[in-house]
Amino acid sequence: MRELRVEDALQYLDQVKMEFGDRPHIYNEFLDIMKNFKSQQIDTPGVIRSVSNLFMGNKKLVLGFNTFLPEGYKIELPLDGNGPP
């Protein structure tokens, strides 16, 4: 697995913000999910579930989140690419 850089995270945040520019509550909910994950209020499967549900229908963002998951975890979409894993 390649080493993550701060730029990777910032670029992903920019993608989320641009995608949901007309719905800032989704971007803010994503930030809340990340805060809860960092403070260990939710675990890795919980953050996967939350992000997958929040970004449902946006294959690029859902699969892009894999970059930030620990080894052994991966979000996979159903064949139609729209539902949660």
N, C-alpha and C. Protein backbone atom coordinates (compact mmCIF):
# COMPACT_ATOMS: atom_id res chain seq x y z
N MET A 1 0.85 -1.18 0.00
CA MET A 1 0.00 0.00 0.00
C MET A 1 0.89 1.25 0.00
N ARG A 2 0.54 2.20 -0.84
CA ARG A 2 1.36 3.40 -0.91
C ARG A 2 1.11 4.28 0.30
N GLU A 3 2.09 5.10 0.60
CA GLU A 3 2.00 5.99 1.75
C GLU A 3 1.03 7.13 1.46
N LEU A 4 0.16 7.40 2.42
CA LEU A 4 -0.79 8.50 2.26
C LEU A 4 -0.12 9.82 2.56
N ARG A 5 -0.55 10.82 1.83
CA ARG A 5 -0.04 12.16 2.07
C ARG A 5 -1.21 13.05 2.48
N VAL A 6 -0.89 14.13 3.15
CA VAL A 6 -1.92 15.09 3.54
C VAL A 6 -2.65 15.59 2.28
N GLU A 7 -1.91 15.76 1.20
CA GLU A 7 -2.50 16.24 -0.04
C GLU A 7 -3.60 15.30 -0.54
N ASP A 8 -3.42 13.98 -0.32
CA ASP A 8 -4.44 13.01 -0.74
C ASP A 8 -5.75 13.27 0.00
N ALA A 9 -5.64 13.47 1.30
CA ALA A 9 -6.84 13.71 2.11
C ALA A 9 -7.49 15.03 1.72
N LEU A 10 -6.69 16.06 1.50
CA LEU A 10 -7.24 17.36 1.13
C LEU A 10 -7.91 17.31 -0.24
N GLN A 11 -7.32 16.58 -1.15
CA GLN A 11 -7.91 16.45 -2.48
C GLN A 11 -9.25 15.72 -2.39
N TYR A 12 -9.30 14.67 -1.58
CA TYR A 12 -10.56 13.93 -1.41
C TYR A 12 -11.62 14.83 -0.78
N LEU A 13 -11.24 15.61 0.24
CA LEU A 13 -12.19 16.54 0.86
C LEU A 13 -12.71 17.55 -0.17
N ASP A 14 -11.83 18.03 -1.03
CA ASP A 14 -12.26 18.95 -2.09
C ASP A 14 -13.26 18.29 -3.04
N GLN A 15 -13.02 17.02 -3.36
CA GLN A 15 -13.95 16.29 -4.23
C GLN A 15 -15.32 16.18 -3.58
N VAL A 16 -15.33 15.86 -2.29
CA VAL A 16 -16.59 15.75 -1.55
C VAL A 16 -17.30 17.10 -1.55
N LYS A 17 -16.55 18.15 -1.25
CA LYS A 17 -17.14 19.49 -1.17
C LYS A 17 -17.70 19.92 -2.53
N MET A 18 -16.98 19.65 -3.60
CA MET A 18 -17.45 20.03 -4.93
C MET A 18 -18.68 19.22 -5.33
N GLU A 19 -18.66 17.94 -5.03
CA GLU A 19 -19.77 17.06 -5.40
C GLU A 19 -21.07 17.47 -4.71
N PHE A 20 -20.95 17.89 -3.47
CA PHE A 20 -22.14 18.21 -2.68
C PHE A 20 -22.22 19.70 -2.35
N GLY A 21 -21.69 20.53 -3.25
CA GLY A 21 -21.72 21.97 -3.04
C GLY A 21 -23.11 22.53 -2.84
N ASP A 22 -24.09 21.89 -3.48
CA ASP A 22 -25.47 22.34 -3.34
C ASP A 22 -26.17 21.71 -2.14
N ARG A 23 -25.47 20.80 -1.46
CA ARG A 23 -26.02 20.13 -0.27
C ARG A 23 -24.94 20.09 0.82
N PRO A 24 -24.62 21.24 1.41
CA PRO A 24 -23.52 21.30 2.38
C PRO A 24 -23.73 20.42 3.61
N HIS A 25 -24.98 20.07 3.89
CA HIS A 25 -25.23 19.19 5.04
C HIS A 25 -24.57 17.82 4.85
N ILE A 26 -24.44 17.36 3.60
CA ILE A 26 -23.79 16.07 3.35
C ILE A 26 -22.29 16.18 3.63
N TYR A 27 -21.68 17.25 3.18
CA TYR A 27 -20.26 17.47 3.46
C TYR A 27 -20.03 17.56 4.97
N ASN A 28 -20.88 18.29 5.66
CA ASN A 28 -20.74 18.43 7.11
C ASN A 28 -20.96 17.10 7.83
N GLU A 29 -21.88 16.30 7.33
CA GLU A 29 -22.10 14.97 7.94
C GLU A 29 -20.86 14.10 7.73
N PHE A 30 -20.24 14.21 6.56
CA PHE A 30 -19.01 13.46 6.32
C PHE A 30 -17.93 13.87 7.32
N LEU A 31 -17.79 15.17 7.55
CA LEU A 31 -16.81 15.63 8.54
C LEU A 31 -17.13 15.09 9.93
N ASP A 32 -18.41 15.04 10.28
CA ASP A 32 -18.80 14.48 11.58
C ASP A 32 -18.45 13.00 11.68
N ILE A 33 -18.67 12.26 10.60
CA ILE A 33 -18.31 10.83 10.58
C ILE A 33 -16.81 10.68 10.82
N MET A 34 -16.02 11.51 10.15
CA MET A 34 -14.57 11.43 10.30
C MET A 34 -14.14 11.78 11.72
N LYS A 35 -14.77 12.79 12.32
CA LYS A 35 -14.46 13.14 13.71
C LYS A 35 -14.79 11.99 14.65
N ASN A 36 -15.94 11.37 14.45
CA ASN A 36 -16.34 10.24 15.30
C ASN A 36 -15.40 9.05 15.13
N PHE A 37 -14.93 8.85 13.92
CA PHE A 37 -13.99 7.76 13.66
C PHE A 37 -12.65 8.05 14.34
N LYS A 38 -12.17 9.27 14.20
CA LYS A 38 -10.89 9.63 14.80
C LYS A 38 -10.93 9.52 16.32
N SER A 39 -12.07 9.88 16.91
CA SER A 39 -12.20 9.80 18.37
C SER A 39 -12.62 8.42 18.83
N GLN A 40 -12.67 7.47 17.90
CA GLN A 40 -12.97 6.07 18.16
C GLN A 40 -14.39 5.85 18.68
N GLN A 41 -15.29 6.75 18.33
CA GLN A 41 -16.70 6.55 18.66
C GLN A 41 -17.34 5.56 17.70
N ILE A 42 -16.76 5.43 16.50
CA ILE A 42 -17.17 4.39 15.56
C ILE A 42 -15.92 3.67 15.08
N ASP A 43 -16.07 2.40 14.74
CA ASP A 43 -14.93 1.60 14.30
C ASP A 43 -14.85 1.60 12.76
N THR A 44 -13.88 0.86 12.23
CA THR A 44 -13.67 0.85 10.78
C THR A 44 -14.90 0.34 10.03
N PRO A 45 -15.50 -0.80 10.44
CA PRO A 45 -16.72 -1.22 9.73
C PRO A 45 -17.84 -0.16 9.82
N GLY A 46 -17.90 0.54 10.94
CA GLY A 46 -18.91 1.58 11.10
C GLY A 46 -18.67 2.76 10.18
N VAL A 47 -17.41 3.16 10.02
CA VAL A 47 -17.10 4.28 9.12
C VAL A 47 -17.34 3.86 7.67
N ILE A 48 -17.06 2.63 7.33
CA ILE A 48 -17.34 2.13 5.98
C ILE A 48 -18.84 2.19 5.70
N ARG A 49 -19.62 1.70 6.64
CA ARG A 49 -21.08 1.71 6.48
C ARG A 49 -21.62 3.14 6.36
N SER A 50 -21.14 4.02 7.23
CA SER A 50 -21.63 5.40 7.23
C SER A 50 -21.28 6.14 5.94
N VAL A 51 -20.03 6.01 5.51
CA VAL A 51 -19.59 6.71 4.29
C VAL A 51 -20.29 6.11 3.06
N SER A 52 -20.43 4.79 3.02
CA SER A 52 -21.10 4.15 1.88
C SER A 52 -22.55 4.61 1.78
N ASN A 53 -23.23 4.71 2.92
CA ASN A 53 -24.62 5.16 2.91
C ASN A 53 -24.73 6.64 2.55
N LEU A 54 -23.84 7.45 3.10
CA LEU A 54 -23.87 8.89 2.85
C LEU A 54 -23.63 9.20 1.37
N PHE A 55 -22.70 8.49 0.76
CA PHE A 55 -22.32 8.74 -0.63
C PHE A 55 -22.99 7.78 -1.61
N MET A 56 -24.03 7.09 -1.17
CA MET A 56 -24.71 6.11 -2.02
C MET A 56 -25.06 6.73 -3.37
N GLY A 57 -24.75 6.00 -4.43
CA GLY A 57 -25.01 6.49 -5.77
C GLY A 57 -23.84 7.25 -6.37
N ASN A 58 -22.81 7.53 -5.56
CA ASN A 58 -21.63 8.23 -6.07
C ASN A 58 -20.44 7.27 -6.01
N LYS A 59 -20.34 6.46 -7.02
CA LYS A 59 -19.33 5.39 -7.07
C LYS A 59 -17.92 5.93 -6.87
N LYS A 60 -17.61 7.06 -7.48
CA LYS A 60 -16.25 7.61 -7.41
C LYS A 60 -15.86 7.94 -5.97
N LEU A 61 -16.76 8.60 -5.23
CA LEU A 61 -16.44 8.95 -3.85
C LEU A 61 -16.41 7.73 -2.94
N VAL A 62 -17.35 6.82 -3.13
CA VAL A 62 -17.38 5.62 -2.28
C VAL A 62 -16.10 4.82 -2.46
N LEU A 63 -15.76 4.53 -3.70
CA LEU A 63 -14.56 3.73 -3.95
C LEU A 63 -13.29 4.52 -3.64
N GLY A 64 -13.32 5.83 -3.80
CA GLY A 64 -12.16 6.66 -3.47
C GLY A 64 -11.81 6.62 -2.00
N PHE A 65 -12.82 6.34 -1.17
CA PHE A 65 -12.57 6.29 0.27
C PHE A 65 -11.69 5.10 0.64
N ASN A 66 -11.59 4.09 -0.22
CA ASN A 66 -10.73 2.94 0.04
C ASN A 66 -9.29 3.35 0.31
N THR A 67 -8.87 4.43 -0.30
CA THR A 67 -7.50 4.92 -0.13
C THR A 67 -7.15 5.12 1.34
N PHE A 68 -8.15 5.45 2.15
CA PHE A 68 -7.91 5.84 3.53
C PHE A 68 -8.19 4.72 4.54
N LEU A 69 -8.61 3.56 4.04
CA LEU A 69 -8.94 2.46 4.94
C LEU A 69 -7.69 1.65 5.30
N PRO A 70 -7.66 1.12 6.52
CA PRO A 70 -6.51 0.29 6.91
C PRO A 70 -6.46 -0.99 6.08
N GLU A 71 -5.29 -1.58 6.04
CA GLU A 71 -5.11 -2.82 5.31
C GLU A 71 -6.10 -3.86 5.81
N GLY A 72 -6.67 -4.62 4.88
CA GLY A 72 -7.63 -5.65 5.24
C GLY A 72 -9.08 -5.18 5.11
N TYR A 73 -9.27 -3.89 4.87
CA TYR A 73 -10.62 -3.35 4.70
C TYR A 73 -10.74 -2.77 3.30
N LYS A 74 -11.91 -2.97 2.69
CA LYS A 74 -12.13 -2.44 1.35
C LYS A 74 -13.63 -2.33 1.11
N ILE A 75 -14.04 -1.22 0.55
CA ILE A 75 -15.43 -1.05 0.15
C ILE A 75 -15.57 -1.61 -1.25
N GLU A 76 -16.54 -2.49 -1.41
CA GLU A 76 -16.86 -3.02 -2.73
C GLU A 76 -18.33 -2.76 -2.99
N LEU A 77 -18.64 -2.35 -4.19
CA LEU A 77 -20.01 -2.03 -4.55
C LEU A 77 -20.66 -3.21 -5.25
N PRO A 78 -21.98 -3.32 -5.14
CA PRO A 78 -22.68 -4.34 -5.93
C PRO A 78 -22.49 -4.04 -7.42
N LEU A 79 -22.81 -4.98 -8.25
CA LEU A 79 -22.56 -4.83 -9.68
C LEU A 79 -23.22 -3.60 -10.28
N ASP A 80 -24.38 -3.18 -9.75
CA ASP A 80 -25.02 -2.00 -10.31
C ASP A 80 -24.35 -0.72 -9.83
N GLY A 81 -23.49 -0.84 -8.79
CA GLY A 81 -22.68 0.27 -8.33
C GLY A 81 -23.41 1.32 -7.54
N ASN A 82 -24.66 1.05 -7.17
CA ASN A 82 -25.44 2.10 -6.52
C ASN A 82 -25.70 1.87 -5.04
N GLY A 83 -25.76 0.66 -4.60
CA GLY A 83 -26.15 0.40 -3.22
C GLY A 83 -24.98 0.34 -2.28
N PRO A 84 -25.27 0.25 -0.99
CA PRO A 84 -24.19 0.07 -0.02
C PRO A 84 -23.59 -1.32 -0.17
N PRO A 85 -22.38 -1.51 0.31
CA PRO A 85 -21.73 -2.83 0.17
C PRO A 85 -22.44 -3.89 0.96
